[in-house]
């Protein structure tokens, strides 16, 4: 996984700031290695503007940022799929590449679908899917208490958010009813964790990054039980890396799902989808196979972000 992108797509706010002080903030950020120093300076200034002593507040925020704290943790939110998602210390920051996972889920689901967001973190994926579809029955789960706190905040009272390990905390009545199961499970091999940017390895929970020796430990567990929870024709969608995709698809097939692969070159995003055979309420997405027929060479879909 790469360093979370700065919130550079958020327009700079036009409220006044002292040019010299903002310039000094930019200088400090650039010296600390922040590539998008100008945009970050504006966001930090905006975050500090409501404080009684905005200058002191800004200085404190800049100090946190130059010390290596992710920008999203400093300002308290991340931009994701057009939404402002609340995040904070100890919570995984949603990546832009994961918007492709949302797009694949939305393309397959229908309004009114039963959606389950496993390894939900802040709830960003579930929130974006629900926002796009309008009406869904949304459930989400995560093992990290801090993540569950933020997911409940972001998803609101209409969603049911559970704390526990994968499927363990879910109510039994969900078995066989889930139309779309999205899981942004960790997939970084343990040996590669030290190679991650400091923002990730030092400030995000290890459980949200470490996928075990080959990066697929959590994916195996998610795929192994998915058929029990999916409705006939229901879909499991998981983000992975392109180099792990073939093994991820094999895990899906071994678990009784019909796998297919989608890749977004521009965002370096890879999503594996597995369909439970049968007729259900989800749409046949591009590249899907008729009647849930298993294949040795799953269809590969390439997409470019508009």
Foldseek 3Di string as FASTA:
>chain_A
DAAADDQQVDDQDDDDDDVVLLVVLLVLLVVLPNPPSNSLSSLLLVLLVVDPPSSVSSVVLSVVVSVQARSCQSSQFHQELNDTAGDHFQFDDDHNLCVVLLVVQLQWAAAAAEEEEELCTLVRSVLNNCVSRVHYAYEYEHQDPRRQVNVCVSVDDSYHYYHDDTCVGPDPVQFQRHQEYEYAAAQDAPVCLVVYPCNDSVTYDPRRHHLYHRSCNSLLVCLQCVNRRHHAFHKYKYKYAPVCVVVSCVSNVVNQWAWAWEAAVVSNTIMIMTTRFDDDRIHQGPQRDPRRDHDPDGYYHYDYDD
